């Protein structure tokens, strides 16, 4: 398994090398792992979203859940969700995830 804190960004000819944890750098999106997921997914959110609300929508736009963001790492129990595509949204950040069936 790959852990986010083990990832080092690779350098290219025009970029500087970075070994910082990507979560500590300015994030441009929500990170979801594993995706697709079966029972639980881990969501890493930008620091700026602490105190905000993360919304989970099904593919039809129905609000499934609202989560208060108190940390940059969240765990979401999706075991009771039907298999399919879902959308996470908080502020300007939007990410999709897939729930698979057993």
PDB file of N, CA and C in Angstrom:
ATOM      1  N   UNK A   1       0.832  -1.189   0.000  1.00  0.00           N
ATOM      2  CA  UNK A   1       0.000   0.000   0.000  1.00  0.00           C
ATOM      3  C   UNK A   1       0.870   1.243   0.000  1.00  0.00           C
ATOM      4  N   UNK A   2       0.462   2.228  -0.751  1.00  0.00           N
ATOM      5  CA  UNK A   2       1.158   3.503  -0.776  1.00  0.00           C
ATOM      6  C   UNK A   2       0.520   4.405   0.267  1.00  0.00           C
ATOM      7  N   UNK A   3       1.335   5.013   1.093  1.00  0.00           N
ATOM      8  CA  UNK A   3       0.841   5.981   2.065  1.00  0.00           C
ATOM      9  C   UNK A   3       1.224   7.359   1.576  1.00  0.00           C
ATOM     10  N   UNK A   4       0.322   8.319   1.761  1.00  0.00           N
ATOM     11  CA  UNK A   4       0.575   9.669   1.282  1.00  0.00           C
ATOM     12  C   UNK A   4       1.841  10.257   1.897  1.00  0.00           C
ATOM     13  N   UNK A   5       2.137   9.894   3.163  1.00  0.00           N
ATOM     14  CA  UNK A   5       3.318  10.476   3.785  1.00  0.00           C
ATOM     15  C   UNK A   5       4.610   9.825   3.286  1.00  0.00           C
ATOM     16  N   UNK A   6       4.514   8.803   2.445  1.00  0.00           N
ATOM     17  CA  UNK A   6       5.688   8.175   1.853  1.00  0.00           C
ATOM     18  C   UNK A   6       5.997   8.706   0.460  1.00  0.00           C
ATOM     19  N   UNK A   7       5.112   9.510  -0.082  1.00  0.00           N
ATOM     20  CA  UNK A   7       5.270   9.970  -1.457  1.00  0.00           C
ATOM     21  C   UNK A   7       6.223  11.155  -1.505  1.00  0.00           C
ATOM     22  N   UNK A   8       7.206  11.085  -2.357  1.00  0.00           N
ATOM     23  CA  UNK A   8       8.083  12.223  -2.630  1.00  0.00           C
ATOM     24  C   UNK A   8       7.832  12.636  -4.072  1.00  0.00           C
ATOM     25  N   UNK A   9       7.710  13.915  -4.285  1.00  0.00           N
ATOM     26  CA  UNK A   9       7.470  14.395  -5.636  1.00  0.00           C
ATOM     27  C   UNK A   9       8.743  14.271  -6.453  1.00  0.00           C
ATOM     28  N   UNK A  10       8.628  13.768  -7.672  1.00  0.00           N
ATOM     29  CA  UNK A  10       9.777  13.589  -8.546  1.00  0.00           C
ATOM     30  C   UNK A  10      10.125  14.901  -9.228  1.00  0.00           C
ATOM     31  N   UNK A  11      11.412  15.121  -9.424  1.00  0.00           N
ATOM     32  CA  UNK A  11      11.873  16.347 -10.077  1.00  0.00           C
ATOM     33  C   UNK A  11      11.897  16.146 -11.584  1.00  0.00           C
ATOM     34  N   UNK A  12      11.597  17.216 -12.294  1.00  0.00           N
ATOM     35  CA  UNK A  12      11.771  17.229 -13.742  1.00  0.00           C
ATOM     36  C   UNK A  12      12.792  18.316 -14.049  1.00  0.00           C
ATOM     37  N   UNK A  13      13.135  18.471 -15.292  1.00  0.00           N
ATOM     38  CA  UNK A  13      14.158  19.442 -15.674  1.00  0.00           C
ATOM     39  C   UNK A  13      13.794  20.856 -15.244  1.00  0.00           C
ATOM     40  N   UNK A  14      12.504  21.182 -15.203  1.00  0.00           N
ATOM     41  CA  UNK A  14      12.091  22.542 -14.890  1.00  0.00           C
ATOM     42  C   UNK A  14      11.522  22.700 -13.480  1.00  0.00           C
ATOM     43  N   UNK A  15      11.596  21.656 -12.660  1.00  0.00           N
ATOM     44  CA  UNK A  15      11.030  21.724 -11.323  1.00  0.00           C
ATOM     45  C   UNK A  15      12.095  21.442 -10.284  1.00  0.00           C
ATOM     46  N   UNK A  16      11.908  22.000  -9.111  1.00  0.00           N
ATOM     47  CA  UNK A  16      12.827  21.694  -8.017  1.00  0.00           C
ATOM     48  C   UNK A  16      12.364  20.429  -7.321  1.00  0.00           C
ATOM     49  N   UNK A  17      13.266  19.749  -6.682  1.00  0.00           N
ATOM     50  CA  UNK A  17      12.952  18.499  -5.989  1.00  0.00           C
ATOM     51  C   UNK A  17      12.295  18.814  -4.647  1.00  0.00           C
ATOM     52  N   UNK A  18      11.262  18.070  -4.324  1.00  0.00           N
ATOM     53  CA  UNK A  18      10.556  18.258  -3.064  1.00  0.00           C
ATOM     54  C   UNK A  18      10.346  16.908  -2.404  1.00  0.00           C
ATOM     55  N   UNK A  19      10.674  16.821  -1.134  1.00  0.00           N
ATOM     56  CA  UNK A  19      10.413  15.591  -0.384  1.00  0.00           C
ATOM     57  C   UNK A  19       9.416  15.872   0.728  1.00  0.00           C
ATOM     58  N   UNK A  20       8.803  17.043   0.688  1.00  0.00           N
ATOM     59  CA  UNK A  20       7.786  17.383   1.671  1.00  0.00           C
ATOM     60  C   UNK A  20       6.564  16.500   1.491  1.00  0.00           C
ATOM     61  N   UNK A  21       5.872  16.284   2.568  1.00  0.00           N
ATOM     62  CA  UNK A  21       4.597  15.594   2.521  1.00  0.00           C
ATOM     63  C   UNK A  21       3.646  16.426   1.656  1.00  0.00           C
ATOM     64  N   UNK A  22       3.027  15.839   0.609  1.00  0.00           N
ATOM     65  CA  UNK A  22       2.141  16.610  -0.268  1.00  0.00           C
ATOM     66  C   UNK A  22       0.999  17.271   0.472  1.00  0.00           C
ATOM     67  N   UNK A  23       0.570  16.701   1.606  1.00  0.00           N
ATOM     68  CA  UNK A  23      -0.518  17.283   2.373  1.00  0.00           C
ATOM     69  C   UNK A  23      -0.092  18.619   2.961  1.00  0.00           C
ATOM     70  N   UNK A  24       1.201  18.780   3.254  1.00  0.00           N
ATOM     71  CA  UNK A  24       1.699  20.011   3.843  1.00  0.00           C
ATOM     72  C   UNK A  24       1.831  21.118   2.804  1.00  0.00           C
ATOM     73  N   UNK A  25       1.924  20.764   1.543  1.00  0.00           N
ATOM     74  CA  UNK A  25       1.989  21.756   0.491  1.00  0.00           C
ATOM     75  C   UNK A  25       0.577  22.228   0.179  1.00  0.00           C
ATOM     76  N   UNK A  26       0.434  23.318  -0.551  1.00  0.00           N
ATOM     77  CA  UNK A  26      -0.889  23.811  -0.904  1.00  0.00           C
ATOM     78  C   UNK A  26      -1.585  22.791  -1.792  1.00  0.00           C
ATOM     79  N   UNK A  27      -2.719  22.322  -1.335  1.00  0.00           N
ATOM     80  CA  UNK A  27      -3.438  21.296  -2.074  1.00  0.00           C
ATOM     81  C   UNK A  27      -4.376  21.927  -3.073  1.00  0.00           C
ATOM     82  N   UNK A  28      -4.513  21.276  -4.203  1.00  0.00           N
ATOM     83  CA  UNK A  28      -5.410  21.746  -5.249  1.00  0.00           C
ATOM     84  C   UNK A  28      -6.677  20.906  -5.338  1.00  0.00           C
ATOM     85  N   UNK A  29      -6.750  19.837  -4.549  1.00  0.00           N
ATOM     86  CA  UNK A  29      -7.936  18.987  -4.597  1.00  0.00           C
ATOM     87  C   UNK A  29      -8.034  18.168  -3.318  1.00  0.00           C
ATOM     88  N   UNK A  30      -9.149  17.477  -3.177  1.00  0.00           N
ATOM     89  CA  UNK A  30      -9.312  16.497  -2.114  1.00  0.00           C
ATOM     90  C   UNK A  30      -8.642  15.215  -2.578  1.00  0.00           C
ATOM     91  N   UNK A  31      -8.000  14.490  -1.672  1.00  0.00           N
ATOM     92  CA  UNK A  31      -7.381  13.212  -2.021  1.00  0.00           C
ATOM     93  C   UNK A  31      -8.205  12.095  -1.397  1.00  0.00           C
ATOM     94  N   UNK A  32      -8.586  11.114  -2.207  1.00  0.00           N
ATOM     95  CA  UNK A  32      -9.426  10.004  -1.755  1.00  0.00           C
ATOM     96  C   UNK A  32      -8.691   8.695  -1.974  1.00  0.00           C
ATOM     97  N   UNK A  33      -8.657   7.865  -0.929  1.00  0.00           N
ATOM     98  CA  UNK A  33      -7.967   6.581  -1.021  1.00  0.00           C
ATOM     99  C   UNK A  33      -8.661   5.574  -0.118  1.00  0.00           C
ATOM    100  N   UNK A  34      -8.864   4.330  -0.492  1.00  0.00           N
ATOM    101  CA  UNK A  34      -8.714   3.834  -1.856  1.00  0.00           C
ATOM    102  C   UNK A  34      -9.887   4.316  -2.702  1.00  0.00           C
ATOM    103  N   UNK A  35      -9.671   4.409  -3.945  1.00  0.00           N
ATOM    104  CA  UNK A  35     -10.718   4.817  -4.877  1.00  0.00           C
ATOM    105  C   UNK A  35     -10.563   3.998  -6.139  1.00  0.00           C
ATOM    106  N   UNK A  36     -11.423   3.019  -6.358  1.00  0.00           N
ATOM    107  CA  UNK A  36     -12.702   2.764  -5.693  1.00  0.00           C
ATOM    108  C   UNK A  36     -12.531   2.169  -4.295  1.00  0.00           C
ATOM    109  N   UNK A  37     -13.591   2.314  -3.484  1.00  0.00           N
ATOM    110  CA  UNK A  37     -13.578   1.816  -2.120  1.00  0.00           C
ATOM    111  C   UNK A  37     -14.723   0.859  -1.866  1.00  0.00           C
ATOM    112  N   UNK A  38     -14.558   0.029  -0.838  1.00  0.00           N
ATOM    113  CA  UNK A  38     -15.561  -0.976  -0.495  1.00  0.00           C
ATOM    114  C   UNK A  38     -16.310  -0.612   0.790  1.00  0.00           C
ATOM    115  N   UNK A  39     -15.585  -0.442   1.902  1.00  0.00           N
ATOM    116  CA  UNK A  39     -16.219  -0.157   3.190  1.00  0.00           C
ATOM    117  C   UNK A  39     -15.901   1.232   3.740  1.00  0.00           C
ATOM    118  N   UNK A  40     -14.654   1.640   3.602  1.00  0.00           N
ATOM    119  CA  UNK A  40     -14.213   2.939   4.106  1.00  0.00           C
ATOM    120  C   UNK A  40     -13.332   3.608   3.069  1.00  0.00           C
ATOM    121  N   UNK A  41     -13.368   4.935   3.036  1.00  0.00           N
ATOM    122  CA  UNK A  41     -12.391   5.688   2.253  1.00  0.00           C
ATOM    123  C   UNK A  41     -11.731   6.695   3.186  1.00  0.00           C
ATOM    124  N   UNK A  42     -10.514   7.031   2.857  1.00  0.00           N
ATOM    125  CA  UNK A  42      -9.753   8.045   3.581  1.00  0.00           C
ATOM    126  C   UNK A  42      -9.745   9.297   2.703  1.00  0.00           C
ATOM    127  N   UNK A  43     -10.050  10.423   3.303  1.00  0.00           N
ATOM    128  CA  UNK A  43     -10.107  11.680   2.567  1.00  0.00           C
ATOM    129  C   UNK A  43      -9.120  12.646   3.203  1.00  0.00           C
ATOM    130  N   UNK A  44      -8.207  13.164   2.409  1.00  0.00           N
ATOM    131  CA  UNK A  44      -7.270  14.176   2.889  1.00  0.00           C
ATOM    132  C   UNK A  44      -7.726  15.505   2.311  1.00  0.00           C
ATOM    133  N   UNK A  45      -7.936  16.471   3.204  1.00  0.00           N
ATOM    134  CA  UNK A  45      -8.462  17.772   2.799  1.00  0.00           C
ATOM    135  C   UNK A  45      -7.436  18.862   3.067  1.00  0.00           C
ATOM    136  N   UNK A  46      -7.495  19.948   2.308  1.00  0.00           N
ATOM    137  CA  UNK A  46      -6.597  21.071   2.561  1.00  0.00           C
ATOM    138  C   UNK A  46      -6.833  21.678   3.948  1.00  0.00           C
ATOM    139  N   UNK A  47      -5.781  22.174   4.536  1.00  0.00           N
ATOM    140  CA  UNK A  47      -5.834  22.819   5.857  1.00  0.00           C
ATOM    141  C   UNK A  47      -6.913  23.914   5.895  1.00  0.00           C
ATOM    142  N   UNK A  48      -7.068  24.629   4.796  1.00  0.00           N
ATOM    143  CA  UNK A  48      -8.023  25.743   4.745  1.00  0.00           C
ATOM    144  C   UNK A  48      -9.476  25.312   4.947  1.00  0.00           C
ATOM    145  N   UNK A  49      -9.762  24.016   4.842  1.00  0.00           N
ATOM    146  CA  UNK A  49     -11.137  23.537   4.993  1.00  0.00           C
ATOM    147  C   UNK A  49     -11.498  23.166   6.426  1.00  0.00           C
ATOM    148  N   UNK A  50     -10.527  23.202   7.343  1.00  0.00           N
ATOM    149  CA  UNK A  50     -10.854  22.918   8.747  1.00  0.00           C
ATOM    150  C   UNK A  50     -11.933  23.888   9.209  1.00  0.00           C
ATOM    151  N   UNK A  51     -12.947  23.357   9.863  1.00  0.00           N
ATOM    152  CA  UNK A  51     -14.064  24.168  10.325  1.00  0.00           C
ATOM    153  C   UNK A  51     -15.195  24.259   9.307  1.00  0.00           C
ATOM    154  N   UNK A  52     -14.959  23.768   8.102  1.00  0.00           N
ATOM    155  CA  UNK A  52     -15.980  23.772   7.057  1.00  0.00           C
ATOM    156  C   UNK A  52     -16.746  22.447   7.074  1.00  0.00           C
ATOM    157  N   UNK A  53     -17.634  22.278   6.117  1.00  0.00           N
ATOM    158  CA  UNK A  53     -18.429  21.056   5.998  1.00  0.00           C
ATOM    159  C   UNK A  53     -18.102  20.358   4.686  1.00  0.00           C
ATOM    160  N   UNK A  54     -17.927  19.049   4.750  1.00  0.00           N
ATOM    161  CA  UNK A  54     -17.739  18.223   3.561  1.00  0.00           C
ATOM    162  C   UNK A  54     -19.079  17.566   3.263  1.00  0.00           C
ATOM    163  N   UNK A  55     -19.539  17.716   2.027  1.00  0.00           N
ATOM    164  CA  UNK A  55     -20.819  17.129   1.629  1.00  0.00           C
ATOM    165  C   UNK A  55     -20.576  15.955   0.699  1.00  0.00           C
ATOM    166  N   UNK A  56     -21.375  14.910   0.886  1.00  0.00           N
ATOM    167  CA  UNK A  56     -21.312  13.719   0.045  1.00  0.00           C
ATOM    168  C   UNK A  56     -22.623  13.632  -0.724  1.00  0.00           C
ATOM    169  N   UNK A  57     -22.521  13.610  -2.061  1.00  0.00           N
ATOM    170  CA  UNK A  57     -23.692  13.521  -2.920  1.00  0.00           C
ATOM    171  C   UNK A  57     -23.634  12.234  -3.729  1.00  0.00           C
ATOM    172  N   UNK A  58     -24.805  11.644  -4.023  1.00  0.00           N
ATOM    173  CA  UNK A  58     -24.805  10.548  -4.980  1.00  0.00           C
ATOM    174  C   UNK A  58     -24.756  11.145  -6.379  1.00  0.00           C
ATOM    175  N   UNK A  59     -24.677  10.317  -7.385  1.00  0.00           N
ATOM    176  CA  UNK A  59     -24.504  10.789  -8.761  1.00  0.00           C
ATOM    177  C   UNK A  59     -25.718  11.576  -9.255  1.00  0.00           C
ATOM    178  N   UNK A  60     -26.848  11.431  -8.577  1.00  0.00           N
ATOM    179  CA  UNK A  60     -28.069  12.146  -8.955  1.00  0.00           C
ATOM    180  C   UNK A  60     -28.203  13.489  -8.240  1.00  0.00           C
ATOM    181  N   UNK A  61     -27.201  13.821  -7.409  1.00  0.00           N
ATOM    182  CA  UNK A  61     -27.208  15.103  -6.708  1.00  0.00           C
ATOM    183  C   UNK A  61     -27.880  15.082  -5.353  1.00  0.00           C
ATOM    184  N   UNK A  62     -28.317  13.908  -4.900  1.00  0.00           N
ATOM    185  CA  UNK A  62     -28.948  13.803  -3.579  1.00  0.00           C
ATOM    186  C   UNK A  62     -27.867  13.882  -2.503  1.00  0.00           C
ATOM    187  N   UNK A  63     -28.075  14.758  -1.517  1.00  0.00           N
ATOM    188  CA  UNK A  63     -27.150  14.885  -0.399  1.00  0.00           C
ATOM    189  C   UNK A  63     -27.257  13.638   0.471  1.00  0.00           C
ATOM    190  N   UNK A  64     -26.139  12.922   0.602  1.00  0.00           N
ATOM    191  CA  UNK A  64     -26.113  11.681   1.372  1.00  0.00           C
ATOM    192  C   UNK A  64     -25.657  11.903   2.812  1.00  0.00           C
ATOM    193  N   UNK A  65     -24.718  12.859   2.972  1.00  0.00           N
ATOM    194  CA  UNK A  65     -24.138  13.070   4.297  1.00  0.00           C
ATOM    195  C   UNK A  65     -23.403  14.398   4.336  1.00  0.00           C
ATOM    196  N   UNK A  66     -23.349  15.002   5.519  1.00  0.00           N
ATOM    197  CA  UNK A  66     -22.534  16.184   5.771  1.00  0.00           C
ATOM    198  C   UNK A  66     -21.592  15.861   6.922  1.00  0.00           C
ATOM    199  N   UNK A  67     -20.332  16.232   6.755  1.00  0.00           N
ATOM    200  CA  UNK A  67     -19.314  15.926   7.752  1.00  0.00           C
ATOM    201  C   UNK A  67     -18.614  17.216   8.146  1.00  0.00           C
ATOM    202  N   UNK A  68     -18.545  17.498   9.441  1.00  0.00           N
ATOM    203  CA  UNK A  68     -17.781  18.640   9.920  1.00  0.00           C
ATOM    204  C   UNK A  68     -16.296  18.303   9.814  1.00  0.00           C
ATOM    205  N   UNK A  69     -15.542  19.169   9.177  1.00  0.00           N
ATOM    206  CA  UNK A  69     -14.114  18.927   8.977  1.00  0.00           C
ATOM    207  C   UNK A  69     -13.347  19.509  10.166  1.00  0.00           C
ATOM    208  N   UNK A  70     -12.814  18.619  10.997  1.00  0.00           N
ATOM    209  CA  UNK A  70     -12.049  19.053  12.170  1.00  0.00           C
ATOM    210  C   UNK A  70     -10.576  18.690  12.042  1.00  0.00           C
ATOM    211  N   UNK A  71     -10.232  17.960  10.992  1.00  0.00           N
ATOM    212  CA  UNK A  71      -8.868  17.494  10.777  1.00  0.00           C
ATOM    213  C   UNK A  71      -8.621  17.410   9.281  1.00  0.00           C
ATOM    214  N   UNK A  72      -7.360  17.330   8.883  1.00  0.00           N
ATOM    215  CA  UNK A  72      -7.060  17.226   7.454  1.00  0.00           C
ATOM    216  C   UNK A  72      -7.191  15.798   6.940  1.00  0.00           C
ATOM    217  N   UNK A  73      -7.399  14.833   7.825  1.00  0.00           N
ATOM    218  CA  UNK A  73      -7.601  13.448   7.412  1.00  0.00           C
ATOM    219  C   UNK A  73      -8.923  12.941   7.977  1.00  0.00           C
ATOM    220  N   UNK A  74      -9.790  12.492   7.089  1.00  0.00           N
ATOM    221  CA  UNK A  74     -11.103  11.998   7.484  1.00  0.00           C
ATOM    222  C   UNK A  74     -11.266  10.557   7.028  1.00  0.00           C
ATOM    223  N   UNK A  75     -12.053   9.797   7.770  1.00  0.00           N
ATOM    224  CA  UNK A  75     -12.414   8.446   7.362  1.00  0.00           C
ATOM    225  C   UNK A  75     -13.925   8.422   7.180  1.00  0.00           C
ATOM    226  N   UNK A  76     -14.366   7.918   6.033  1.00  0.00           N
ATOM    227  CA  UNK A  76     -15.794   7.884   5.725  1.00  0.00           C
ATOM    228  C   UNK A  76     -16.242   6.443   5.544  1.00  0.00           C
ATOM    229  N   UNK A  77     -17.215   6.036   6.361  1.00  0.00           N
ATOM    230  CA  UNK A  77     -17.800   4.700   6.260  1.00  0.00           C
ATOM    231  C   UNK A  77     -18.782   4.706   5.086  1.00  0.00           C
ATOM    232  N   UNK A  78     -18.444   3.951   4.042  1.00  0.00           N
ATOM    233  CA  UNK A  78     -19.318   3.868   2.865  1.00  0.00           C
ATOM    234  C   UNK A  78     -19.925   2.473   2.723  1.00  0.00           C
ATOM    235  N   UNK A  79     -19.827   1.663   3.772  1.00  0.00           N
ATOM    236  CA  UNK A  79     -20.288   0.272   3.703  1.00  0.00           C
ATOM    237  C   UNK A  79     -21.783   0.159   3.402  1.00  0.00           C
ATOM    238  N   UNK A  80     -22.581   1.142   3.807  1.00  0.00           N
ATOM    239  CA  UNK A  80     -24.029   1.092   3.564  1.00  0.00           C
ATOM    240  C   UNK A  80     -24.451   1.813   2.292  1.00  0.00           C
ATOM    241  N   UNK A  81     -23.502   2.385   1.563  1.00  0.00           N
ATOM    242  CA  UNK A  81     -23.819   3.063   0.308  1.00  0.00           C
ATOM    243  C   UNK A  81     -24.008   2.024  -0.787  1.00  0.00           C
ATOM    244  N   UNK A  82     -24.889   2.304  -1.722  1.00  0.00           N
ATOM    245  CA  UNK A  82     -25.042   1.440  -2.887  1.00  0.00           C
ATOM    246  C   UNK A  82     -23.824   1.620  -3.789  1.00  0.00           C
ATOM    247  N   UNK A  83     -23.483   0.573  -4.516  1.00  0.00           N
ATOM    248  CA  UNK A  83     -22.372   0.669  -5.467  1.00  0.00           C
ATOM    249  C   UNK A  83     -22.681   1.770  -6.476  1.00  0.00           C
ATOM    250  N   UNK A  84     -21.673   2.564  -6.799  1.00  0.00           N
ATOM    251  CA  UNK A  84     -21.868   3.630  -7.766  1.00  0.00           C
ATOM    252  C   UNK A  84     -20.902   4.774  -7.563  1.00  0.00           C
ATOM    253  N   UNK A  85     -21.166   5.868  -8.255  1.00  0.00           N
ATOM    254  CA  UNK A  85     -20.327   7.063  -8.211  1.00  0.00           C
ATOM    255  C   UNK A  85     -20.895   8.067  -7.221  1.00  0.00           C
ATOM    256  N   UNK A  86     -19.984   8.726  -6.487  1.00  0.00           N
ATOM    257  CA  UNK A  86     -20.361   9.721  -5.499  1.00  0.00           C
ATOM    258  C   UNK A  86     -19.463  10.945  -5.655  1.00  0.00           C
ATOM    259  N   UNK A  87     -19.932  12.059  -5.115  1.00  0.00           N
ATOM    260  CA  UNK A  87     -19.199  13.313  -5.226  1.00  0.00           C
ATOM    261  C   UNK A  87     -18.991  13.887  -3.827  1.00  0.00           C
ATOM    262  N   UNK A  88     -17.753  14.294  -3.552  1.00  0.00           N
ATOM    263  CA  UNK A  88     -17.408  15.003  -2.327  1.00  0.00           C
ATOM    264  C   UNK A  88     -17.256  16.470  -2.682  1.00  0.00           C
ATOM    265  N   UNK A  89     -17.779  17.369  -1.842  1.00  0.00           N
ATOM    266  CA  UNK A  89     -17.664  18.793  -2.131  1.00  0.00           C
ATOM    267  C   UNK A  89     -17.535  19.584  -0.840  1.00  0.00           C
ATOM    268  N   UNK A  90     -16.571  20.490  -0.825  1.00  0.00           N
ATOM    269  CA  UNK A  90     -16.429  21.467   0.252  1.00  0.00           C
ATOM    270  C   UNK A  90     -15.783  22.703  -0.336  1.00  0.00           C
ATOM    271  N   UNK A  91     -16.453  23.826  -0.202  1.00  0.00           N
ATOM    272  CA  UNK A  91     -15.931  25.057  -0.790  1.00  0.00           C
ATOM    273  C   UNK A  91     -15.715  24.875  -2.289  1.00  0.00           C
ATOM    274  N   UNK A  92     -14.526  25.254  -2.764  1.00  0.00           N
ATOM    275  CA  UNK A  92     -14.212  25.148  -4.195  1.00  0.00           C
ATOM    276  C   UNK A  92     -13.688  23.764  -4.583  1.00  0.00           C
ATOM    277  N   UNK A  93     -13.585  22.874  -3.608  1.00  0.00           N
ATOM    278  CA  UNK A  93     -13.016  21.551  -3.844  1.00  0.00           C
ATOM    279  C   UNK A  93     -14.099  20.519  -4.131  1.00  0.00           C
ATOM    280  N   UNK A  94     -13.900  19.767  -5.199  1.00  0.00           N
ATOM    281  CA  UNK A  94     -14.839  18.720  -5.596  1.00  0.00           C
ATOM    282  C   UNK A  94     -14.024  17.504  -6.025  1.00  0.00           C
ATOM    283  N   UNK A  95     -14.421  16.323  -5.589  1.00  0.00           N
ATOM    284  CA  UNK A  95     -13.744  15.091  -5.975  1.00  0.00           C
ATOM    285  C   UNK A  95     -14.774  13.977  -6.068  1.00  0.00           C
ATOM    286  N   UNK A  96     -14.560  13.054  -6.980  1.00  0.00           N
ATOM    287  CA  UNK A  96     -15.448  11.897  -7.130  1.00  0.00           C
ATOM    288  C   UNK A  96     -14.807  10.660  -6.499  1.00  0.00           C
ATOM    289  N   UNK A  97     -15.659   9.754  -6.051  1.00  0.00           N
ATOM    290  CA  UNK A  97     -15.165   8.436  -5.649  1.00  0.00           C
ATOM    291  C   UNK A  97     -16.189   7.398  -6.077  1.00  0.00           C
ATOM    292  N   UNK A  98     -15.726   6.175  -6.137  1.00  0.00           N
ATOM    293  CA  UNK A  98     -16.567   5.058  -6.565  1.00  0.00           C
ATOM    294  C   UNK A  98     -16.706   4.085  -5.403  1.00  0.00           C
ATOM    295  N   UNK A  99     -17.934   3.693  -5.112  1.00  0.00           N
ATOM    296  CA  UNK A  99     -18.207   2.647  -4.121  1.00  0.00           C
ATOM    297  C   UNK A  99     -18.426   1.366  -4.906  1.00  0.00           C
ATOM    298  N   UNK A 100     -17.667   0.328  -4.581  1.00  0.00           N
ATOM    299  CA  UNK A 100     -17.823  -0.966  -5.251  1.00  0.00           C
ATOM    300  C   UNK A 100     -18.574  -1.915  -4.334  1.00  0.00           C
ATOM    301  N   UNK A 101     -19.176  -2.941  -4.923  1.00  0.00           N
ATOM    302  CA  UNK A 101     -19.866  -3.956  -4.145  1.00  0.00           C
ATOM    303  C   UNK A 101     -18.939  -5.139  -3.942  1.00  0.00           C
ATOM    304  N   UNK A 102     -19.274  -5.948  -2.954  1.00  0.00           N
ATOM    305  CA  UNK A 102     -18.438  -7.117  -2.640  1.00  0.00           C
ATOM    306  C   UNK A 102     -18.570  -8.176  -3.698  1.00  0.00           C
TER     307      UNK A 102
END
